[in-house]
Amino acid sequence: MILIMAVFILLISACQPAVAPLTPTVDQGFNTPPIQSTDETITFENNGITLTVKRPDNWEYFSTEYGIVIGEQFGSVATEGQLQGLMTYVFTTPLEDYTADVIAGSRGNRAKLILDQITADPVYTANIAVSDTIPFNWDGYDASYYLLSGDDGNATIVIGVVIPEVNSLLSTSISAPYEQRDRIRPSLGVLLEGLAINNVRLSDMILDQIADPLVFPVFNSPQGR
């Protein structure tokens, strides 16, 4: 399950494979309006878990088997399925799907241990460049994040937080086209506003825990791709 969920993050952000290998570009200074927060909430329920997240103004959304996807502008046939703006995917995974050491929490920050398992898997990292996982504390919960870029042309931050009350890992991935990667960090406050799982609502203290700016790794396609 851990690898399935990790790969699903890449599939959601990619929409469909890129037509050509990613050629990293410099930030083009996109003149995009700021993301507007609203009071509208989206709820997802599955197996006794209820996820709640706010929907930014005019953003689209849909549900998957595992959680909620909210997008500024999803890819279309005209764009060959490629992501056109920011996108957030929020989902949960039962802690029982991970190793006994992680469940017991006997070796430190459990969120970091889980994300380390993901980023150490060669199947997951075959077509991406990934950063180290950075542990932090979110409202007293074990949390961690890492950054990635890949041959789909996107940059992504993946954040995981262990919520013992529901025995789950709550994960959020926020993606953007690589040339719009500098939009991700300033948007965290709006995109994570109102994030809650069952009766646990997470605060905005995460903004003090995540690096600013975010330095995303550069993915270089293998020779001949």
Protein backbone atom coordinates (compact mmCIF):
# COMPACT_ATOMS: atom_id res chain seq x y z
CA MET A 1 0.00 0.00 0.00
CA ILE A 2 2.78 2.46 0.81
CA LEU A 3 4.20 2.27 -2.72
CA ILE A 4 0.75 2.34 -4.32
CA MET A 5 -0.08 5.58 -2.55
CA ALA A 6 3.29 7.12 -3.44
CA VAL A 7 2.91 6.30 -7.12
CA PHE A 8 -0.67 7.58 -7.06
CA ILE A 9 0.65 11.00 -6.04
CA LEU A 10 2.71 11.07 -9.23
CA LEU A 11 -0.19 9.88 -11.39
CA ILE A 12 -2.54 12.52 -9.99
CA SER A 13 -0.07 15.36 -10.57
CA ALA A 14 1.00 14.13 -13.99
CA CYS A 15 -2.49 13.72 -15.48
CA GLN A 16 -0.77 11.84 -18.34
CA PRO A 17 2.88 11.35 -19.35
CA ALA A 18 4.68 14.35 -20.78
CA VAL A 19 5.11 14.41 -24.55
CA ALA A 20 8.82 15.15 -24.24
CA PRO A 21 11.36 14.87 -21.40
CA LEU A 22 11.38 17.77 -18.99
CA THR A 23 13.79 20.54 -19.81
CA PRO A 24 14.05 22.62 -16.62
CA THR A 25 13.27 26.27 -17.21
CA VAL A 26 13.86 29.39 -15.18
CA ASP A 27 10.94 30.95 -13.37
CA GLN A 28 9.12 33.10 -15.90
CA GLY A 29 7.49 35.30 -13.27
CA PHE A 30 3.91 34.28 -14.05
CA ASN A 31 1.54 37.17 -13.47
CA THR A 32 -1.19 35.15 -11.81
CA PRO A 33 -3.73 36.60 -9.39
CA PRO A 34 -3.44 35.51 -5.74
CA ILE A 35 -5.48 32.51 -4.71
CA GLN A 36 -8.69 33.62 -3.03
CA SER A 37 -9.88 31.78 0.05
CA THR A 38 -13.56 30.98 0.55
CA ASP A 39 -15.72 29.55 3.30
CA GLU A 40 -16.80 26.63 1.09
CA THR A 41 -15.61 23.30 2.41
CA ILE A 42 -15.28 19.96 0.65
CA THR A 43 -15.77 16.77 2.66
CA PHE A 44 -14.64 13.22 1.96
CA GLU A 45 -15.74 10.21 4.00
CA ASN A 46 -14.41 6.66 3.91
CA ASN A 47 -14.12 3.88 6.51
CA GLY A 48 -14.87 6.13 9.46
CA ILE A 49 -12.51 8.88 8.28
CA THR A 50 -13.84 12.33 7.40
CA LEU A 51 -11.54 14.74 5.56
CA THR A 52 -12.40 18.42 5.29
CA VAL A 53 -10.59 21.06 3.26
CA LYS A 54 -11.56 24.50 1.95
CA ARG A 55 -12.00 25.05 -1.77
CA PRO A 56 -10.31 28.19 -3.16
CA ASP A 57 -12.50 30.46 -5.25
CA ASN A 58 -13.27 29.06 -8.73
CA TRP A 59 -11.14 25.92 -8.26
CA GLU A 60 -12.34 22.54 -9.54
CA TYR A 61 -12.35 19.35 -7.48
CA PHE A 62 -13.11 15.66 -7.56
CA SER A 63 -12.85 12.69 -5.18
CA THR A 64 -10.73 9.57 -5.55
CA GLU A 65 -10.87 6.29 -3.67
CA TYR A 66 -8.50 7.78 -1.08
CA GLY A 67 -9.24 11.50 -0.80
CA ILE A 68 -9.86 14.86 -2.49
CA VAL A 69 -8.17 16.52 -5.48
CA ILE A 70 -8.57 20.29 -5.86
CA GLY A 71 -7.15 22.07 -8.90
CA GLU A 72 -6.75 25.61 -10.17
CA GLN A 73 -6.89 24.39 -13.76
CA PHE A 74 -6.72 20.72 -14.66
CA GLY A 75 -5.15 19.55 -17.89
CA SER A 76 -7.30 19.06 -20.97
CA VAL A 77 -7.10 17.48 -24.39
CA ALA A 78 -5.86 20.81 -25.73
CA THR A 79 -2.98 20.84 -23.23
CA GLU A 80 -2.29 17.11 -23.72
CA GLY A 81 -3.36 16.46 -20.13
CA GLN A 82 -0.61 18.55 -18.58
CA LEU A 83 -1.22 20.46 -15.35
CA GLN A 84 -1.84 24.17 -15.98
CA GLY A 85 -1.81 25.59 -12.44
CA LEU A 86 -1.63 24.57 -8.79
CA MET A 87 -3.25 21.35 -7.59
CA THR A 88 -3.71 19.83 -4.12
CA TYR A 89 -4.36 16.19 -3.26
CA VAL A 90 -5.37 15.34 0.34
CA PHE A 91 -5.70 11.70 1.42
CA THR A 92 -5.23 9.31 4.33
CA THR A 93 -3.54 5.94 4.79
CA PRO A 94 -4.03 3.63 7.83
CA LEU A 95 -0.90 3.26 9.95
CA GLU A 96 -1.40 -0.51 9.83
CA ASP A 97 -0.12 -0.37 6.24
CA TYR A 98 3.35 0.56 7.49
CA THR A 99 6.02 -1.33 9.40
CA ALA A 100 5.77 -2.25 13.08
CA ASP A 101 8.59 0.18 13.96
CA VAL A 102 6.70 3.07 12.41
CA ILE A 103 3.46 2.16 14.14
CA ALA A 104 5.20 1.90 17.51
CA GLY A 105 7.01 5.20 16.97
CA SER A 106 10.07 3.77 18.70
CA ARG A 107 12.57 5.28 16.27
CA GLY A 108 11.64 8.95 16.22
CA ASN A 109 9.39 11.04 13.98
CA ARG A 110 6.97 8.51 12.45
CA ALA A 111 5.99 10.73 9.53
CA LYS A 112 9.63 11.05 8.52
CA LEU A 113 10.13 7.29 8.80
CA ILE A 114 7.18 6.68 6.47
CA LEU A 115 8.26 9.27 3.90
CA ASP A 116 11.83 7.94 4.06
CA GLN A 117 10.46 4.51 3.09
CA ILE A 118 8.77 6.06 0.08
CA THR A 119 11.72 8.11 -1.15
CA ALA A 120 14.11 5.18 -0.70
CA ASP A 121 12.09 2.96 -3.07
CA PRO A 122 13.78 2.79 -6.51
CA VAL A 123 10.45 2.12 -8.23
CA TYR A 124 9.05 5.41 -6.93
CA THR A 125 12.19 7.44 -7.64
CA ALA A 126 12.93 6.03 -11.11
CA ASN A 127 11.63 9.11 -12.95
CA ILE A 128 11.91 11.85 -10.35
CA ALA A 129 14.48 13.90 -8.49
CA VAL A 130 13.65 14.01 -4.79
CA SER A 131 14.97 15.96 -1.81
CA ASP A 132 15.70 14.73 1.70
CA THR A 133 12.70 14.41 4.01
CA ILE A 134 12.49 17.21 6.56
CA PRO A 135 10.86 16.39 9.92
CA PHE A 136 8.87 18.94 11.90
CA ASN A 137 6.15 19.24 14.51
CA TRP A 138 2.62 20.23 13.47
CA ASP A 139 0.39 21.00 16.43
CA GLY A 140 2.21 18.33 18.45
CA TYR A 141 1.97 15.69 15.72
CA ASP A 142 4.88 13.99 13.93
CA ALA A 143 5.12 15.55 10.46
CA SER A 144 7.58 15.63 7.58
CA TYR A 145 7.84 16.80 3.97
CA TYR A 146 9.93 16.39 0.84
CA LEU A 147 10.16 18.03 -2.57
CA LEU A 148 10.26 16.40 -5.98
CA SER A 149 10.29 17.11 -9.69
CA GLY A 150 9.95 14.61 -12.49
CA ASP A 151 9.63 13.84 -16.15
CA ASP A 152 5.97 14.85 -16.04
CA GLY A 153 7.13 18.48 -15.96
CA ASN A 154 5.79 19.22 -12.46
CA ALA A 155 7.21 20.24 -9.09
CA THR A 156 5.54 18.87 -5.93
CA ILE A 157 5.75 19.17 -2.17
CA VAL A 158 4.51 16.11 -0.24
CA ILE A 159 3.58 16.63 3.42
CA GLY A 160 2.71 13.81 5.80
CA VAL A 161 1.44 14.03 9.38
CA VAL A 162 0.66 11.12 11.72
CA ILE A 163 -2.72 11.52 13.47
CA PRO A 164 -2.87 8.92 16.29
CA GLU A 165 -6.50 9.71 17.13
CA VAL A 166 -7.58 8.08 13.86
CA ASN A 167 -4.51 5.83 13.49
CA SER A 168 -3.71 7.32 10.09
CA LEU A 169 -1.16 9.22 8.05
CA LEU A 170 -2.74 12.38 6.64
CA SER A 171 -0.93 13.36 3.44
CA THR A 172 -1.10 16.42 1.25
CA SER A 173 0.67 16.91 -2.07
CA ILE A 174 0.73 20.31 -3.77
CA SER A 175 1.90 20.39 -7.38
CA ALA A 176 2.51 22.96 -10.09
CA PRO A 177 4.17 23.01 -13.51
CA TYR A 178 7.90 23.28 -12.87
CA GLU A 179 8.06 26.81 -14.28
CA GLN A 180 5.40 27.84 -11.73
CA ARG A 181 7.08 26.12 -8.78
CA ASP A 182 7.70 29.41 -6.93
CA ARG A 183 3.94 29.80 -6.50
CA ILE A 184 3.71 26.75 -4.21
CA ARG A 185 5.29 28.15 -1.04
CA PRO A 186 3.28 31.43 -0.92
CA SER A 187 0.06 29.45 -1.50
CA LEU A 188 0.43 27.02 1.42
CA GLY A 189 -1.56 29.16 3.84
CA VAL A 190 -4.65 29.26 1.62
CA LEU A 191 -4.41 25.68 0.36
CA LEU A 192 -4.02 24.17 3.84
CA GLU A 193 -6.56 26.44 5.53
CA GLY A 194 -9.27 24.48 7.30
CA LEU A 195 -7.57 21.12 6.78
CA ALA A 196 -9.15 18.65 9.20
CA ILE A 197 -9.50 14.92 9.75
CA ASN A 198 -12.46 13.87 11.90
CA ASN A 199 -12.34 16.19 14.91
CA VAL A 200 -8.68 17.18 14.46
CA ARG A 201 -8.24 20.53 12.74
CA LEU A 202 -4.65 21.51 11.93
CA SER A 203 -3.46 25.07 12.46
CA ASP A 204 -1.42 27.31 10.16
CA MET A 205 1.71 26.87 12.31
CA ILE A 206 3.05 24.76 9.42
CA LEU A 207 3.95 28.01 7.68
CA ASP A 208 6.68 28.54 10.29
CA GLN A 209 8.02 24.99 9.84
CA ILE A 210 8.53 24.77 6.08
CA ALA A 211 11.48 26.40 4.32
CA ASP A 212 10.95 29.66 2.48
CA PRO A 213 11.79 29.67 -0.36
CA LEU A 214 11.38 26.03 -1.36
CA VAL A 215 14.29 24.84 -3.50
CA PHE A 216 12.96 22.06 -5.72
CA PRO A 217 15.39 19.51 -7.14
CA VAL A 218 16.01 19.49 -10.88
CA PHE A 219 15.13 16.34 -12.77
CA ASN A 220 17.49 15.45 -15.62
CA SER A 221 16.13 12.87 -18.05
CA PRO A 222 18.39 9.89 -18.68
CA GLN A 223 20.41 10.03 -21.89
CA GLY A 224 18.36 9.09 -24.90
CA ARG A 225 14.91 9.63 -23.36
